Amino acid sequence: MAGDPVVACADAESFYYVSADIDGTNGISGVSLSTSTDGGKTFASPAVAVIVNEPSDSHIVNGAWIAVQPANPTHLST
């Protein structure tokens, strides 16, 4: 996880954390997503949700964003 974090809340227990992600080993960048089901007390390990198919030394995600869709809180928009 590289920065620009954003947290979205679906309900009292469900939180989503996104951040810019840089994988220096593989030379890729993207957006990582981590979830919490205990009201934000703990979060699962981040998973890469979006991969930018460009070299990370020249293309870095800046400003990852997330929103929970009010009509269906299990659907996220980025």
PDB file of N, CA and C in Angstrom:
ATOM      1  N   MET A   1       0.849  -1.161   0.000  1.00  0.00           N
ATOM      2  CA  MET A   1       0.000   0.000   0.000  1.00  0.00           C
ATOM      3  C   MET A   1       0.901   1.232   0.000  1.00  0.00           C
ATOM      4  N   ALA A   2       0.550   2.183  -0.871  1.00  0.00           N
ATOM      5  CA  ALA A   2       1.452   3.303  -1.091  1.00  0.00           C
ATOM      6  C   ALA A   2       0.934   4.648  -0.604  1.00  0.00           C
ATOM      7  N   GLY A   3      -0.325   4.773  -0.279  1.00  0.00           N
ATOM      8  CA  GLY A   3      -0.821   6.050   0.201  1.00  0.00           C
ATOM      9  C   GLY A   3      -2.144   6.439  -0.407  1.00  0.00           C
ATOM     10  N   ASP A   4      -2.538   7.673  -0.173  1.00  0.00           N
ATOM     11  CA  ASP A   4      -3.834   8.209  -0.603  1.00  0.00           C
ATOM     12  C   ASP A   4      -4.992   7.344  -0.127  1.00  0.00           C
ATOM     13  N   PRO A   5      -5.051   7.000   1.181  1.00  0.00           N
ATOM     14  CA  PRO A   5      -6.112   6.111   1.656  1.00  0.00           C
ATOM     15  C   PRO A   5      -7.472   6.785   1.731  1.00  0.00           C
ATOM     16  N   VAL A   6      -8.504   5.974   1.520  1.00  0.00           N
ATOM     17  CA  VAL A   6      -9.895   6.416   1.657  1.00  0.00           C
ATOM     18  C   VAL A   6     -10.666   5.290   2.338  1.00  0.00           C
ATOM     19  N   VAL A   7     -11.550   5.625   3.266  1.00  0.00           N
ATOM     20  CA  VAL A   7     -12.395   4.641   3.939  1.00  0.00           C
ATOM     21  C   VAL A   7     -13.852   4.938   3.610  1.00  0.00           C
ATOM     22  N   ALA A   8     -14.604   3.874   3.291  1.00  0.00           N
ATOM     23  CA  ALA A   8     -16.047   3.997   3.060  1.00  0.00           C
ATOM     24  C   ALA A   8     -16.756   3.069   4.033  1.00  0.00           C
ATOM     25  N   CYS A   9     -17.940   3.465   4.464  1.00  0.00           N
ATOM     26  CA  CYS A   9     -18.709   2.707   5.447  1.00  0.00           C
ATOM     27  C   CYS A   9     -20.041   2.275   4.834  1.00  0.00           C
ATOM     28  N   ALA A  10     -20.350   0.958   4.917  1.00  0.00           N
ATOM     29  CA  ALA A  10     -21.616   0.442   4.401  1.00  0.00           C
ATOM     30  C   ALA A  10     -22.665   0.369   5.506  1.00  0.00           C
ATOM     31  N   ASP A  11     -22.229   0.036   6.710  1.00  0.00           N
ATOM     32  CA  ASP A  11     -23.101  -0.035   7.888  1.00  0.00           C
ATOM     33  C   ASP A  11     -22.202  -0.006   9.118  1.00  0.00           C
ATOM     34  N   ALA A  12     -22.768  -0.220  10.293  1.00  0.00           N
ATOM     35  CA  ALA A  12     -21.994  -0.109  11.532  1.00  0.00           C
ATOM     36  C   ALA A  12     -20.844  -1.106  11.623  1.00  0.00           C
ATOM     37  N   GLU A  13     -20.894  -2.183  10.878  1.00  0.00           N
ATOM     38  CA  GLU A  13     -19.857  -3.216  10.942  1.00  0.00           C
ATOM     39  C   GLU A  13     -18.966  -3.293   9.710  1.00  0.00           C
ATOM     40  N   SER A  14     -19.428  -2.822   8.559  1.00  0.00           N
ATOM     41  CA  SER A  14     -18.731  -3.035   7.283  1.00  0.00           C
ATOM     42  C   SER A  14     -18.030  -1.771   6.789  1.00  0.00           C
ATOM     43  N   PHE A  15     -16.689  -1.858   6.734  1.00  0.00           N
ATOM     44  CA  PHE A  15     -15.876  -0.754   6.255  1.00  0.00           C
ATOM     45  C   PHE A  15     -14.976  -1.239   5.130  1.00  0.00           C
ATOM     46  N   TYR A  16     -14.670  -0.343   4.188  1.00  0.00           N
ATOM     47  CA  TYR A  16     -13.799  -0.645   3.055  1.00  0.00           C
ATOM     48  C   TYR A  16     -12.695   0.400   3.015  1.00  0.00           C
ATOM     49  N   TYR A  17     -11.461  -0.055   2.874  1.00  0.00           N
ATOM     50  CA  TYR A  17     -10.288   0.815   2.867  1.00  0.00           C
ATOM     51  C   TYR A  17      -9.572   0.614   1.535  1.00  0.00           C
ATOM     52  N   VAL A  18      -9.401   1.684   0.776  1.00  0.00           N
ATOM     53  CA  VAL A  18      -8.652   1.599  -0.480  1.00  0.00           C
ATOM     54  C   VAL A  18      -7.447   2.523  -0.397  1.00  0.00           C
ATOM     55  N   SER A  19      -6.417   2.148  -1.154  1.00  0.00           N
ATOM     56  CA  SER A  19      -5.178   2.912  -1.165  1.00  0.00           C
ATOM     57  C   SER A  19      -4.464   2.659  -2.479  1.00  0.00           C
ATOM     58  N   ALA A  20      -3.657   3.619  -2.892  1.00  0.00           N
ATOM     59  CA  ALA A  20      -2.771   3.373  -4.028  1.00  0.00           C
ATOM     60  C   ALA A  20      -1.845   2.230  -3.642  1.00  0.00           C
ATOM     61  N   ASP A  21      -1.449   1.431  -4.608  1.00  0.00           N
ATOM     62  CA  ASP A  21      -0.631   0.253  -4.353  1.00  0.00           C
ATOM     63  C   ASP A  21       0.507   0.202  -5.364  1.00  0.00           C
ATOM     64  N   ILE A  22       1.720  -0.009  -4.879  1.00  0.00           N
ATOM     65  CA  ILE A  22       2.873  -0.165  -5.768  1.00  0.00           C
ATOM     66  C   ILE A  22       3.564  -1.474  -5.420  1.00  0.00           C
ATOM     67  N   ASP A  23       3.719  -2.318  -6.409  1.00  0.00           N
ATOM     68  CA  ASP A  23       4.436  -3.589  -6.257  1.00  0.00           C
ATOM     69  C   ASP A  23       5.789  -3.419  -6.938  1.00  0.00           C
ATOM     70  N   GLY A  24       6.784  -3.031  -6.162  1.00  0.00           N
ATOM     71  CA  GLY A  24       8.109  -2.790  -6.714  1.00  0.00           C
ATOM     72  C   GLY A  24       8.778  -4.052  -7.235  1.00  0.00           C
ATOM     73  N   THR A  25       8.426  -5.203  -6.665  1.00  0.00           N
ATOM     74  CA  THR A  25       9.016  -6.467  -7.106  1.00  0.00           C
ATOM     75  C   THR A  25       8.614  -6.800  -8.529  1.00  0.00           C
ATOM     76  N   ASN A  26       7.326  -6.585  -8.832  1.00  0.00           N
ATOM     77  CA  ASN A  26       6.814  -6.919 -10.159  1.00  0.00           C
ATOM     78  C   ASN A  26       6.683  -5.704 -11.071  1.00  0.00           C
ATOM     79  N   GLY A  27       6.952  -4.511 -10.528  1.00  0.00           N
ATOM     80  CA  GLY A  27       6.926  -3.305 -11.342  1.00  0.00           C
ATOM     81  C   GLY A  27       5.548  -2.873 -11.804  1.00  0.00           C
ATOM     82  N   ILE A  28       4.517  -3.110 -10.963  1.00  0.00           N
ATOM     83  CA  ILE A  28       3.162  -2.696 -11.333  1.00  0.00           C
ATOM     84  C   ILE A  28       2.569  -1.811 -10.241  1.00  0.00           C
ATOM     85  N   SER A  29       1.593  -1.012 -10.627  1.00  0.00           N
ATOM     86  CA  SER A  29       0.877  -0.189  -9.658  1.00  0.00           C
ATOM     87  C   SER A  29      -0.614  -0.413  -9.837  1.00  0.00           C
ATOM     88  N   GLY A  30      -1.378  -0.005  -8.840  1.00  0.00           N
ATOM     89  CA  GLY A  30      -2.822  -0.181  -8.905  1.00  0.00           C
ATOM     90  C   GLY A  30      -3.489   0.361  -7.664  1.00  0.00           C
ATOM     91  N   VAL A  31      -4.603  -0.273  -7.299  1.00  0.00           N
ATOM     92  CA  VAL A  31      -5.384   0.113  -6.132  1.00  0.00           C
ATOM     93  C   VAL A  31      -5.598  -1.131  -5.287  1.00  0.00           C
ATOM     94  N   SER A  32      -5.346  -1.022  -3.974  1.00  0.00           N
ATOM     95  CA  SER A  32      -5.589  -2.149  -3.078  1.00  0.00           C
ATOM     96  C   SER A  32      -6.853  -1.905  -2.270  1.00  0.00           C
ATOM     97  N   LEU A  33      -7.512  -3.003  -1.873  1.00  0.00           N
ATOM     98  CA  LEU A  33      -8.758  -2.958  -1.112  1.00  0.00           C
ATOM     99  C   LEU A  33      -8.611  -3.855   0.101  1.00  0.00           C
ATOM    100  N   SER A  34      -9.026  -3.359   1.257  1.00  0.00           N
ATOM    101  CA  SER A  34      -9.046  -4.129   2.485  1.00  0.00           C
ATOM    102  C   SER A  34     -10.404  -3.923   3.139  1.00  0.00           C
ATOM    103  N   THR A  35     -10.958  -4.977   3.734  1.00  0.00           N
ATOM    104  CA  THR A  35     -12.293  -4.889   4.329  1.00  0.00           C
ATOM    105  C   THR A  35     -12.248  -5.136   5.839  1.00  0.00           C
ATOM    106  N   SER A  36     -13.227  -4.562   6.521  1.00  0.00           N
ATOM    107  CA  SER A  36     -13.418  -4.789   7.946  1.00  0.00           C
ATOM    108  C   SER A  36     -14.871  -5.197   8.176  1.00  0.00           C
ATOM    109  N   THR A  37     -15.063  -6.211   8.992  1.00  0.00           N
ATOM    110  CA  THR A  37     -16.416  -6.643   9.333  1.00  0.00           C
ATOM    111  C   THR A  37     -16.688  -6.501  10.827  1.00  0.00           C
ATOM    112  N   ASP A  38     -15.808  -5.769  11.522  1.00  0.00           N
ATOM    113  CA  ASP A  38     -15.984  -5.582  12.967  1.00  0.00           C
ATOM    114  C   ASP A  38     -15.991  -4.095  13.341  1.00  0.00           C
ATOM    115  N   GLY A  39     -16.590  -3.299  12.481  1.00  0.00           N
ATOM    116  CA  GLY A  39     -16.718  -1.874  12.766  1.00  0.00           C
ATOM    117  C   GLY A  39     -15.439  -1.085  12.614  1.00  0.00           C
ATOM    118  N   GLY A  40     -14.473  -1.619  11.874  1.00  0.00           N
ATOM    119  CA  GLY A  40     -13.219  -0.919  11.638  1.00  0.00           C
ATOM    120  C   GLY A  40     -12.148  -1.188  12.678  1.00  0.00           C
ATOM    121  N   LYS A  41     -12.398  -2.104  13.603  1.00  0.00           N
ATOM    122  CA  LYS A  41     -11.377  -2.443  14.602  1.00  0.00           C
ATOM    123  C   LYS A  41     -10.184  -3.135  13.964  1.00  0.00           C
ATOM    124  N   THR A  42     -10.452  -4.031  13.027  1.00  0.00           N
ATOM    125  CA  THR A  42      -9.394  -4.722  12.302  1.00  0.00           C
ATOM    126  C   THR A  42      -9.765  -4.764  10.825  1.00  0.00           C
ATOM    127  N   PHE A  43      -8.756  -4.888   9.983  1.00  0.00           N
ATOM    128  CA  PHE A  43      -8.960  -4.990   8.542  1.00  0.00           C
ATOM    129  C   PHE A  43      -8.232  -6.214   8.016  1.00  0.00           C
ATOM    130  N   ALA A  44      -8.806  -6.854   7.012  1.00  0.00           N
ATOM    131  CA  ALA A  44      -8.155  -7.976   6.343  1.00  0.00           C
ATOM    132  C   ALA A  44      -6.942  -7.461   5.578  1.00  0.00           C
ATOM    133  N   SER A  45      -6.038  -8.372   5.257  1.00  0.00           N
ATOM    134  CA  SER A  45      -4.889  -8.002   4.438  1.00  0.00           C
ATOM    135  C   SER A  45      -5.371  -7.429   3.117  1.00  0.00           C
ATOM    136  N   PRO A  46      -4.690  -6.410   2.593  1.00  0.00           N
ATOM    137  CA  PRO A  46      -5.138  -5.797   1.341  1.00  0.00           C
ATOM    138  C   PRO A  46      -4.966  -6.728   0.150  1.00  0.00           C
ATOM    139  N   ALA A  47      -5.891  -6.611  -0.779  1.00  0.00           N
ATOM    140  CA  ALA A  47      -5.818  -7.327  -2.050  1.00  0.00           C
ATOM    141  C   ALA A  47      -5.822  -6.294  -3.165  1.00  0.00           C
ATOM    142  N   VAL A  48      -5.091  -6.553  -4.222  1.00  0.00           N
ATOM    143  CA  VAL A  48      -5.069  -5.625  -5.352  1.00  0.00           C
ATOM    144  C   VAL A  48      -6.412  -5.719  -6.068  1.00  0.00           C
ATOM    145  N   ALA A  49      -7.107  -4.599  -6.152  1.00  0.00           N
ATOM    146  CA  ALA A  49      -8.427  -4.561  -6.775  1.00  0.00           C
ATOM    147  C   ALA A  49      -8.362  -4.079  -8.220  1.00  0.00           C
ATOM    148  N   VAL A  50      -7.400  -3.220  -8.521  1.00  0.00           N
ATOM    149  CA  VAL A  50      -7.229  -2.672  -9.869  1.00  0.00           C
ATOM    150  C   VAL A  50      -5.739  -2.681 -10.180  1.00  0.00           C
ATOM    151  N   ILE A  51      -5.367  -3.182 -11.335  1.00  0.00           N
ATOM    152  CA  ILE A  51      -3.972  -3.171 -11.766  1.00  0.00           C
ATOM    153  C   ILE A  51      -3.849  -2.258 -12.977  1.00  0.00           C
ATOM    154  N   VAL A  52      -2.858  -1.374 -12.945  1.00  0.00           N
ATOM    155  CA  VAL A  52      -2.554  -0.514 -14.079  1.00  0.00           C
ATOM    156  C   VAL A  52      -1.516  -1.250 -14.918  1.00  0.00           C
ATOM    157  N   ASN A  53      -1.833  -1.554 -16.146  1.00  0.00           N
ATOM    158  CA  ASN A  53      -0.925  -2.313 -17.014  1.00  0.00           C
ATOM    159  C   ASN A  53       0.147  -1.433 -17.637  1.00  0.00           C
ATOM    160  N   GLU A  54       0.809  -0.681 -16.796  1.00  0.00           N
ATOM    161  CA  GLU A  54       1.917   0.173 -17.216  1.00  0.00           C
ATOM    162  C   GLU A  54       3.002   0.053 -16.151  1.00  0.00           C
ATOM    163  N   PRO A  55       4.252   0.273 -16.502  1.00  0.00           N
ATOM    164  CA  PRO A  55       5.346   0.163 -15.530  1.00  0.00           C
ATOM    165  C   PRO A  55       5.160   1.111 -14.347  1.00  0.00           C
ATOM    166  N   SER A  56       5.407   0.600 -13.128  1.00  0.00           N
ATOM    167  CA  SER A  56       5.216   1.427 -11.933  1.00  0.00           C
ATOM    168  C   SER A  56       6.242   2.549 -11.815  1.00  0.00           C
ATOM    169  N   ASP A  57       7.338   2.480 -12.572  1.00  0.00           N
ATOM    170  CA  ASP A  57       8.310   3.568 -12.513  1.00  0.00           C
ATOM    171  C   ASP A  57       7.879   4.770 -13.346  1.00  0.00           C
ATOM    172  N   SER A  58       6.803   4.614 -14.146  1.00  0.00           N
ATOM    173  CA  SER A  58       6.320   5.738 -14.949  1.00  0.00           C
ATOM    174  C   SER A  58       4.817   5.989 -14.806  1.00  0.00           C
ATOM    175  N   HIS A  59       4.059   5.060 -14.212  1.00  0.00           N
ATOM    176  CA  HIS A  59       2.612   5.206 -14.055  1.00  0.00           C
ATOM    177  C   HIS A  59       2.211   4.786 -12.638  1.00  0.00           C
ATOM    178  N   ILE A  60       1.795   5.752 -11.841  1.00  0.00           N
ATOM    179  CA  ILE A  60       1.401   5.483 -10.466  1.00  0.00           C
ATOM    180  C   ILE A  60      -0.006   6.027 -10.249  1.00  0.00           C
ATOM    181  N   VAL A  61      -0.848   5.239  -9.595  1.00  0.00           N
ATOM    182  CA  VAL A  61      -2.209   5.671  -9.263  1.00  0.00           C
ATOM    183  C   VAL A  61      -2.114   6.789  -8.232  1.00  0.00           C
ATOM    184  N   ASN A  62      -2.840   7.844  -8.462  1.00  0.00           N
ATOM    185  CA  ASN A  62      -2.851   8.979  -7.544  1.00  0.00           C
ATOM    186  C   ASN A  62      -4.287   9.270  -7.144  1.00  0.00           C
ATOM    187  N   GLY A  63      -4.610   9.066  -5.894  1.00  0.00           N
ATOM    188  CA  GLY A  63      -5.935   9.407  -5.403  1.00  0.00           C
ATOM    189  C   GLY A  63      -6.983   8.335  -5.639  1.00  0.00           C
ATOM    190  N   ALA A  64      -6.793   7.155  -5.065  1.00  0.00           N
ATOM    191  CA  ALA A  64      -7.820   6.110  -5.138  1.00  0.00           C
ATOM    192  C   ALA A  64      -9.049   6.568  -4.361  1.00  0.00           C
ATOM    193  N   TRP A  65     -10.231   6.311  -4.891  1.00  0.00           N
ATOM    194  CA  TRP A  65     -11.485   6.697  -4.242  1.00  0.00           C
ATOM    195  C   TRP A  65     -12.428   5.521  -4.233  1.00  0.00           C
ATOM    196  N   ILE A  66     -13.358   5.541  -3.286  1.00  0.00           N
ATOM    197  CA  ILE A  66     -14.357   4.484  -3.179  1.00  0.00           C
ATOM    198  C   ILE A  66     -15.635   5.075  -2.596  1.00  0.00           C
ATOM    199  N   ALA A  67     -16.761   4.500  -3.001  1.00  0.00           N
ATOM    200  CA  ALA A  67     -18.060   4.875  -2.435  1.00  0.00           C
ATOM    201  C   ALA A  67     -18.925   3.622  -2.365  1.00  0.00           C
ATOM    202  N   VAL A  68     -19.749   3.553  -1.338  1.00  0.00           N
ATOM    203  CA  VAL A  68     -20.697   2.459  -1.195  1.00  0.00           C
ATOM    204  C   VAL A  68     -22.005   2.900  -1.828  1.00  0.00           C
ATOM    205  N   GLN A  69     -22.577   2.058  -2.685  1.00  0.00           N
ATOM    206  CA  GLN A  69     -23.854   2.393  -3.309  1.00  0.00           C
ATOM    207  C   GLN A  69     -24.965   2.270  -2.269  1.00  0.00           C
ATOM    208  N   PRO A  70     -25.693   3.358  -1.983  1.00  0.00           N
ATOM    209  CA  PRO A  70     -26.713   3.350  -0.928  1.00  0.00           C
ATOM    210  C   PRO A  70     -27.807   2.288  -1.123  1.00  0.00           C
ATOM    211  N   ALA A  71     -28.197   2.044  -2.361  1.00  0.00           N
ATOM    212  CA  ALA A  71     -29.272   1.073  -2.614  1.00  0.00           C
ATOM    213  C   ALA A  71     -28.807  -0.366  -2.418  1.00  0.00           C
ATOM    214  N   ASN A  72     -27.495  -0.613  -2.534  1.00  0.00           N
ATOM    215  CA  ASN A  72     -26.963  -1.964  -2.354  1.00  0.00           C
ATOM    216  C   ASN A  72     -25.577  -1.846  -1.725  1.00  0.00           C
ATOM    217  N   PRO A  73     -25.498  -1.880  -0.379  1.00  0.00           N
ATOM    218  CA  PRO A  73     -24.234  -1.624   0.296  1.00  0.00           C
ATOM    219  C   PRO A  73     -23.132  -2.650   0.067  1.00  0.00           C
ATOM    220  N   THR A  74     -23.421  -3.735  -0.653  1.00  0.00           N
ATOM    221  CA  THR A  74     -22.346  -4.680  -0.996  1.00  0.00           C
ATOM    222  C   THR A  74     -21.697  -4.317  -2.314  1.00  0.00           C
ATOM    223  N   HIS A  75     -22.233  -3.292  -3.014  1.00  0.00           N
ATOM    224  CA  HIS A  75     -21.648  -2.838  -4.279  1.00  0.00           C
ATOM    225  C   HIS A  75     -20.843  -1.575  -4.044  1.00  0.00           C
ATOM    226  N   LEU A  76     -19.639  -1.556  -4.578  1.00  0.00           N
ATOM    227  CA  LEU A  76     -18.747  -0.426  -4.409  1.00  0.00           C
ATOM    228  C   LEU A  76     -18.495   0.244  -5.738  1.00  0.00           C
ATOM    229  N   SER A  77     -18.261   1.543  -5.708  1.00  0.00           N
ATOM    230  CA  SER A  77     -17.896   2.296  -6.903  1.00  0.00           C
ATOM    231  C   SER A  77     -16.532   2.911  -6.667  1.00  0.00           C
ATOM    232  N   THR A  78     -15.702   2.881  -7.706  1.00  0.00           N
ATOM    233  CA  THR A  78     -14.388   3.504  -7.579  1.00  0.00           C
ATOM    234  C   THR A  78     -14.263   4.618  -8.579  1.00  0.00           C
TER     235      THR A  78
END
